[in-house]
Amino acid sequence: MFGGGVVSELIWKKSSRSMAGDNNCVEVSPGTECTAVRDSKNPAAGHLRFTGLAWGSFVSAIKSGVFDGRD
């Protein structure tokens, strides 16, 4: 587990890809030691934390189309 970042202290931002009324979105709380991610429909269910390196790799993969279903 990463140090710091009690859940109540995290500042959550909804995905910029979310539309009004869309139930398929996540919230992200970027931090200095890690980035936290949670389901915006059920924030009480908890969150996942990623190191800066892991989060950066994930975002880069998304931007490059790795998860677009292209073979």
PDB file of N, CA and C in Angstrom:
ATOM      1  N   MET A   1       0.850  -1.178   0.000  1.00  0.00           N
ATOM      2  CA  MET A   1       0.000   0.000   0.000  1.00  0.00           C
ATOM      3  C   MET A   1       0.890   1.233   0.000  1.00  0.00           C
ATOM      4  N   PHE A   2       0.411   2.274  -0.598  1.00  0.00           N
ATOM      5  CA  PHE A   2       1.149   3.521  -0.677  1.00  0.00           C
ATOM      6  C   PHE A   2       0.881   4.358   0.553  1.00  0.00           C
ATOM      7  N   GLY A   3       1.840   5.181   0.924  1.00  0.00           N
ATOM      8  CA  GLY A   3       1.663   6.043   2.082  1.00  0.00           C
ATOM      9  C   GLY A   3       0.731   7.198   1.777  1.00  0.00           C
ATOM     10  N   GLY A   4       0.141   7.748   2.817  1.00  0.00           N
ATOM     11  CA  GLY A   4      -0.709   8.930   2.678  1.00  0.00           C
ATOM     12  C   GLY A   4      -1.984   8.665   1.916  1.00  0.00           C
ATOM     13  N   GLY A   5      -2.754   9.704   1.715  1.00  0.00           N
ATOM     14  CA  GLY A   5      -3.936   9.619   0.881  1.00  0.00           C
ATOM     15  C   GLY A   5      -5.114   8.899   1.498  1.00  0.00           C
ATOM     16  N   VAL A   6      -5.510   9.296   2.693  1.00  0.00           N
ATOM     17  CA  VAL A   6      -6.717   8.746   3.274  1.00  0.00           C
ATOM     18  C   VAL A   6      -7.856   9.058   2.315  1.00  0.00           C
ATOM     19  N   VAL A   7      -8.783   8.114   2.140  1.00  0.00           N
ATOM     20  CA  VAL A   7      -9.835   8.260   1.139  1.00  0.00           C
ATOM     21  C   VAL A   7     -10.556   9.596   1.248  1.00  0.00           C
ATOM     22  N   SER A   8     -10.854  10.060   2.448  1.00  0.00           N
ATOM     23  CA  SER A   8     -11.570  11.323   2.603  1.00  0.00           C
ATOM     24  C   SER A   8     -10.736  12.512   2.133  1.00  0.00           C
ATOM     25  N   GLU A   9      -9.419  12.354   2.044  1.00  0.00           N
ATOM     26  CA  GLU A   9      -8.544  13.427   1.612  1.00  0.00           C
ATOM     27  C   GLU A   9      -8.337  13.457   0.101  1.00  0.00           C
ATOM     28  N   LEU A  10      -8.734  12.406  -0.590  1.00  0.00           N
ATOM     29  CA  LEU A  10      -8.534  12.343  -2.026  1.00  0.00           C
ATOM     30  C   LEU A  10      -9.518  13.268  -2.727  1.00  0.00           C
ATOM     31  N   ILE A  11      -9.055  13.922  -3.770  1.00  0.00           N
ATOM     32  CA  ILE A  11      -9.904  14.795  -4.577  1.00  0.00           C
ATOM     33  C   ILE A  11     -10.204  14.054  -5.871  1.00  0.00           C
ATOM     34  N   TRP A  12     -11.474  13.727  -6.066  1.00  0.00           N
ATOM     35  CA  TRP A  12     -11.890  12.897  -7.200  1.00  0.00           C
ATOM     36  C   TRP A  12     -12.346  13.754  -8.371  1.00  0.00           C
ATOM     37  N   LYS A  13     -11.964  13.315  -9.575  1.00  0.00           N
ATOM     38  CA  LYS A  13     -12.381  13.974 -10.818  1.00  0.00           C
ATOM     39  C   LYS A  13     -13.033  12.934 -11.711  1.00  0.00           C
ATOM     40  N   LYS A  14     -14.214  13.265 -12.227  1.00  0.00           N
ATOM     41  CA  LYS A  14     -14.911  12.351 -13.128  1.00  0.00           C
ATOM     42  C   LYS A  14     -14.245  12.382 -14.501  1.00  0.00           C
ATOM     43  N   SER A  15     -14.246  11.266 -15.168  1.00  0.00           N
ATOM     44  CA  SER A  15     -13.657  11.158 -16.497  1.00  0.00           C
ATOM     45  C   SER A  15     -14.217  12.213 -17.437  1.00  0.00           C
ATOM     46  N   SER A  16     -13.360  12.811 -18.236  1.00  0.00           N
ATOM     47  CA  SER A  16     -13.805  13.816 -19.212  1.00  0.00           C
ATOM     48  C   SER A  16     -14.628  13.171 -20.318  1.00  0.00           C
ATOM     49  N   ARG A  17     -14.573  11.857 -20.432  1.00  0.00           N
ATOM     50  CA  ARG A  17     -15.355  11.131 -21.442  1.00  0.00           C
ATOM     51  C   ARG A  17     -16.774  10.820 -20.958  1.00  0.00           C
ATOM     52  N   SER A  18     -17.081  11.111 -19.721  1.00  0.00           N
ATOM     53  CA  SER A  18     -18.403  10.840 -19.166  1.00  0.00           C
ATOM     54  C   SER A  18     -19.399  11.871 -19.659  1.00  0.00           C
ATOM     55  N   MET A  19     -20.600  11.409 -19.956  1.00  0.00           N
ATOM     56  CA  MET A  19     -21.669  12.310 -20.374  1.00  0.00           C
ATOM     57  C   MET A  19     -22.744  12.328 -19.296  1.00  0.00           C
ATOM     58  N   ALA A  20     -23.534  13.356 -19.272  1.00  0.00           N
ATOM     59  CA  ALA A  20     -24.626  13.455 -18.299  1.00  0.00           C
ATOM     60  C   ALA A  20     -25.535  12.239 -18.438  1.00  0.00           C
ATOM     61  N   GLY A  21     -25.825  11.578 -17.326  1.00  0.00           N
ATOM     62  CA  GLY A  21     -26.699  10.413 -17.333  1.00  0.00           C
ATOM     63  C   GLY A  21     -26.007   9.112 -17.689  1.00  0.00           C
ATOM     64  N   ASP A  22     -24.732   9.165 -18.055  1.00  0.00           N
ATOM     65  CA  ASP A  22     -23.991   7.956 -18.407  1.00  0.00           C
ATOM     66  C   ASP A  22     -23.566   7.248 -17.130  1.00  0.00           C
ATOM     67  N   ASN A  23     -23.922   5.991 -17.001  1.00  0.00           N
ATOM     68  CA  ASN A  23     -23.576   5.227 -15.794  1.00  0.00           C
ATOM     69  C   ASN A  23     -22.276   4.456 -15.923  1.00  0.00           C
ATOM     70  N   ASN A  24     -21.556   4.625 -17.015  1.00  0.00           N
ATOM     71  CA  ASN A  24     -20.324   3.890 -17.231  1.00  0.00           C
ATOM     72  C   ASN A  24     -19.126   4.822 -17.131  1.00  0.00           C
ATOM     73  N   CYS A  25     -18.820   5.271 -15.938  1.00  0.00           N
ATOM     74  CA  CYS A  25     -17.688   6.181 -15.805  1.00  0.00           C
ATOM     75  C   CYS A  25     -16.888   5.881 -14.544  1.00  0.00           C
ATOM     76  N   VAL A  26     -15.688   6.387 -14.541  1.00  0.00           N
ATOM     77  CA  VAL A  26     -14.802   6.234 -13.393  1.00  0.00           C
ATOM     78  C   VAL A  26     -14.384   7.613 -12.911  1.00  0.00           C
ATOM     79  N   GLU A  27     -13.895   7.643 -11.699  1.00  0.00           N
ATOM     80  CA  GLU A  27     -13.321   8.863 -11.136  1.00  0.00           C
ATOM     81  C   GLU A  27     -11.864   8.583 -10.816  1.00  0.00           C
ATOM     82  N   VAL A  28     -11.042   9.596 -11.000  1.00  0.00           N
ATOM     83  CA  VAL A  28      -9.607   9.469 -10.784  1.00  0.00           C
ATOM     84  C   VAL A  28      -9.169  10.521  -9.778  1.00  0.00           C
ATOM     85  N   SER A  29      -8.249  10.128  -8.901  1.00  0.00           N
ATOM     86  CA  SER A  29      -7.661  11.056  -7.948  1.00  0.00           C
ATOM     87  C   SER A  29      -6.142  10.975  -8.088  1.00  0.00           C
ATOM     88  N   PRO A  30      -5.568  11.869  -8.911  1.00  0.00           N
ATOM     89  CA  PRO A  30      -4.119  11.847  -9.081  1.00  0.00           C
ATOM     90  C   PRO A  30      -3.411  12.355  -7.828  1.00  0.00           C
ATOM     91  N   GLY A  31      -2.305  11.736  -7.500  1.00  0.00           N
ATOM     92  CA  GLY A  31      -1.541  12.146  -6.336  1.00  0.00           C
ATOM     93  C   GLY A  31      -0.050  12.127  -6.617  1.00  0.00           C
ATOM     94  N   THR A  32       0.743  12.495  -5.644  1.00  0.00           N
ATOM     95  CA  THR A  32       2.192  12.520  -5.834  1.00  0.00           C
ATOM     96  C   THR A  32       2.804  11.130  -5.759  1.00  0.00           C
ATOM     97  N   GLU A  33       2.241  10.244  -4.953  1.00  0.00           N
ATOM     98  CA  GLU A  33       2.776   8.895  -4.811  1.00  0.00           C
ATOM     99  C   GLU A  33       2.041   7.867  -5.649  1.00  0.00           C
ATOM    100  N   CYS A  34       0.778   8.139  -5.950  1.00  0.00           N
ATOM    101  CA  CYS A  34      -0.020   7.179  -6.695  1.00  0.00           C
ATOM    102  C   CYS A  34      -1.228   7.867  -7.308  1.00  0.00           C
ATOM    103  N   THR A  35      -1.929   7.140  -8.164  1.00  0.00           N
ATOM    104  CA  THR A  35      -3.193   7.585  -8.725  1.00  0.00           C
ATOM    105  C   THR A  35      -4.252   6.594  -8.280  1.00  0.00           C
ATOM    106  N   ALA A  36      -5.352   7.095  -7.744  1.00  0.00           N
ATOM    107  CA  ALA A  36      -6.446   6.242  -7.293  1.00  0.00           C
ATOM    108  C   ALA A  36      -7.582   6.317  -8.310  1.00  0.00           C
ATOM    109  N   VAL A  37      -8.284   5.179  -8.486  1.00  0.00           N
ATOM    110  CA  VAL A  37      -9.389   5.081  -9.440  1.00  0.00           C
ATOM    111  C   VAL A  37     -10.546   4.374  -8.752  1.00  0.00           C
ATOM    112  N   ARG A  38     -11.779   4.870  -8.983  1.00  0.00           N
ATOM    113  CA  ARG A  38     -12.952   4.212  -8.404  1.00  0.00           C
ATOM    114  C   ARG A  38     -14.127   4.290  -9.373  1.00  0.00           C
ATOM    115  N   ASP A  39     -15.119   3.464  -9.136  1.00  0.00           N
ATOM    116  CA  ASP A  39     -16.364   3.443  -9.904  1.00  0.00           C
ATOM    117  C   ASP A  39     -17.249   4.570  -9.390  1.00  0.00           C
ATOM    118  N   SER A  40     -17.620   5.486 -10.252  1.00  0.00           N
ATOM    119  CA  SER A  40     -18.406   6.634  -9.797  1.00  0.00           C
ATOM    120  C   SER A  40     -19.818   6.246  -9.361  1.00  0.00           C
ATOM    121  N   LYS A  41     -20.322   5.099  -9.825  1.00  0.00           N
ATOM    122  CA  LYS A  41     -21.657   4.653  -9.406  1.00  0.00           C
ATOM    123  C   LYS A  41     -21.649   4.112  -7.985  1.00  0.00           C
ATOM    124  N   ASN A  42     -20.493   3.641  -7.533  1.00  0.00           N
ATOM    125  CA  ASN A  42     -20.414   2.996  -6.224  1.00  0.00           C
ATOM    126  C   ASN A  42     -19.107   3.380  -5.520  1.00  0.00           C
ATOM    127  N   PRO A  43     -18.938   4.638  -5.164  1.00  0.00           N
ATOM    128  CA  PRO A  43     -17.680   5.085  -4.563  1.00  0.00           C
ATOM    129  C   PRO A  43     -17.375   4.424  -3.218  1.00  0.00           C
ATOM    130  N   ALA A  44     -18.404   3.973  -2.519  1.00  0.00           N
ATOM    131  CA  ALA A  44     -18.186   3.332  -1.218  1.00  0.00           C
ATOM    132  C   ALA A  44     -17.565   1.942  -1.355  1.00  0.00           C
ATOM    133  N   ALA A  45     -17.549   1.393  -2.552  1.00  0.00           N
ATOM    134  CA  ALA A  45     -16.996   0.051  -2.777  1.00  0.00           C
ATOM    135  C   ALA A  45     -15.470   0.037  -2.702  1.00  0.00           C
ATOM    136  N   GLY A  46     -14.867   1.200  -2.673  1.00  0.00           N
ATOM    137  CA  GLY A  46     -13.415   1.261  -2.573  1.00  0.00           C
ATOM    138  C   GLY A  46     -12.775   1.774  -3.851  1.00  0.00           C
ATOM    139  N   HIS A  47     -11.467   1.725  -3.880  1.00  0.00           N
ATOM    140  CA  HIS A  47     -10.729   2.231  -5.028  1.00  0.00           C
ATOM    141  C   HIS A  47      -9.462   1.411  -5.236  1.00  0.00           C
ATOM    142  N   LEU A  48      -8.895   1.540  -6.404  1.00  0.00           N
ATOM    143  CA  LEU A  48      -7.617   0.916  -6.734  1.00  0.00           C
ATOM    144  C   LEU A  48      -6.564   2.007  -6.782  1.00  0.00           C
ATOM    145  N   ARG A  49      -5.350   1.669  -6.393  1.00  0.00           N
ATOM    146  CA  ARG A  49      -4.247   2.633  -6.459  1.00  0.00           C
ATOM    147  C   ARG A  49      -3.157   2.081  -7.366  1.00  0.00           C
ATOM    148  N   PHE A  50      -2.587   2.962  -8.170  1.00  0.00           N
ATOM    149  CA  PHE A  50      -1.542   2.593  -9.111  1.00  0.00           C
ATOM    150  C   PHE A  50      -0.333   3.503  -8.909  1.00  0.00           C
ATOM    151  N   THR A  51       0.853   2.944  -9.068  1.00  0.00           N
ATOM    152  CA  THR A  51       2.059   3.777  -9.029  1.00  0.00           C
ATOM    153  C   THR A  51       2.028   4.711 -10.232  1.00  0.00           C
ATOM    154  N   GLY A  52       2.834   5.752 -10.180  1.00  0.00           N
ATOM    155  CA  GLY A  52       2.914   6.677 -11.309  1.00  0.00           C
ATOM    156  C   GLY A  52       3.329   5.969 -12.588  1.00  0.00           C
ATOM    157  N   LEU A  53       4.287   5.047 -12.493  1.00  0.00           N
ATOM    158  CA  LEU A  53       4.756   4.308 -13.659  1.00  0.00           C
ATOM    159  C   LEU A  53       3.649   3.435 -14.234  1.00  0.00           C
ATOM    160  N   ALA A  54       2.941   2.717 -13.381  1.00  0.00           N
ATOM    161  CA  ALA A  54       1.861   1.838 -13.844  1.00  0.00           C
ATOM    162  C   ALA A  54       0.733   2.647 -14.482  1.00  0.00           C
ATOM    163  N   TRP A  55       0.342   3.748 -13.848  1.00  0.00           N
ATOM    164  CA  TRP A  55      -0.738   4.575 -14.388  1.00  0.00           C
ATOM    165  C   TRP A  55      -0.327   5.191 -15.721  1.00  0.00           C
ATOM    166  N   GLY A  56       0.902   5.694 -15.796  1.00  0.00           N
ATOM    167  CA  GLY A  56       1.407   6.280 -17.042  1.00  0.00           C
ATOM    168  C   GLY A  56       1.423   5.268 -18.183  1.00  0.00           C
ATOM    169  N   SER A  57       1.826   4.031 -17.874  1.00  0.00           N
ATOM    170  CA  SER A  57       1.836   2.983 -18.894  1.00  0.00           C
ATOM    171  C   SER A  57       0.425   2.667 -19.364  1.00  0.00           C
ATOM    172  N   PHE A  58      -0.519   2.615 -18.432  1.00  0.00           N
ATOM    173  CA  PHE A  58      -1.916   2.344 -18.768  1.00  0.00           C
ATOM    174  C   PHE A  58      -2.479   3.446 -19.666  1.00  0.00           C
ATOM    175  N   VAL A  59      -2.277   4.701 -19.301  1.00  0.00           N
ATOM    176  CA  VAL A  59      -2.777   5.825 -20.091  1.00  0.00           C
ATOM    177  C   VAL A  59      -2.134   5.825 -21.478  1.00  0.00           C
ATOM    178  N   SER A  60      -0.845   5.552 -21.564  1.00  0.00           N
ATOM    179  CA  SER A  60      -0.170   5.489 -22.867  1.00  0.00           C
ATOM    180  C   SER A  60      -0.755   4.391 -23.742  1.00  0.00           C
ATOM    181  N   ALA A  61      -1.060   3.243 -23.132  1.00  0.00           N
ATOM    182  CA  ALA A  61      -1.657   2.134 -23.882  1.00  0.00           C
ATOM    183  C   ALA A  61      -3.033   2.521 -24.413  1.00  0.00           C
ATOM    184  N   ILE A  62      -3.820   3.224 -23.605  1.00  0.00           N
ATOM    185  CA  ILE A  62      -5.135   3.678 -24.053  1.00  0.00           C
ATOM    186  C   ILE A  62      -4.988   4.626 -25.239  1.00  0.00           C
ATOM    187  N   LYS A  63      -4.091   5.595 -25.122  1.00  0.00           N
ATOM    188  CA  LYS A  63      -3.908   6.585 -26.169  1.00  0.00           C
ATOM    189  C   LYS A  63      -3.406   5.958 -27.467  1.00  0.00           C
ATOM    190  N   SER A  64      -2.652   4.877 -27.371  1.00  0.00           N
ATOM    191  CA  SER A  64      -2.111   4.243 -28.571  1.00  0.00           C
ATOM    192  C   SER A  64      -3.075   3.239 -29.187  1.00  0.00           C
ATOM    193  N   GLY A  65      -4.246   3.015 -28.559  1.00  0.00           N
ATOM    194  CA  GLY A  65      -5.255   2.129 -29.133  1.00  0.00           C
ATOM    195  C   GLY A  65      -5.148   0.668 -28.746  1.00  0.00           C
ATOM    196  N   VAL A  66      -4.334   0.345 -27.761  1.00  0.00           N
ATOM    197  CA  VAL A  66      -4.142  -1.045 -27.346  1.00  0.00           C
ATOM    198  C   VAL A  66      -5.455  -1.722 -26.987  1.00  0.00           C
ATOM    199  N   PHE A  67      -6.390  -0.999 -26.410  1.00  0.00           N
ATOM    200  CA  PHE A  67      -7.643  -1.587 -25.940  1.00  0.00           C
ATOM    201  C   PHE A  67      -8.830  -1.330 -26.873  1.00  0.00           C
ATOM    202  N   ASP A  68      -8.551  -0.897 -28.100  1.00  0.00           N
ATOM    203  CA  ASP A  68      -9.618  -0.584 -29.032  1.00  0.00           C
ATOM    204  C   ASP A  68     -10.185  -1.795 -29.755  1.00  0.00           C
ATOM    205  N   GLY A  69      -9.672  -2.980 -29.481  1.00  0.00           N
ATOM    206  CA  GLY A  69     -10.164  -4.186 -30.131  1.00  0.00           C
ATOM    207  C   GLY A  69      -9.574  -4.399 -31.509  1.00  0.00           C
ATOM    208  N   ARG A  70      -8.554  -3.630 -31.845  1.00  0.00           N
ATOM    209  CA  ARG A  70      -7.875  -3.821 -33.129  1.00  0.00           C
ATOM    210  C   ARG A  70      -6.877  -4.947 -32.971  1.00  0.00           C
ATOM    211  N   ASP A  71      -6.850  -5.827 -33.920  1.00  0.00           N
ATOM    212  CA  ASP A  71      -5.893  -6.958 -33.861  1.00  0.00           C
ATOM    213  C   ASP A  71      -4.684  -6.711 -34.703  1.00  0.00           C
TER     214      ASP A  71
END
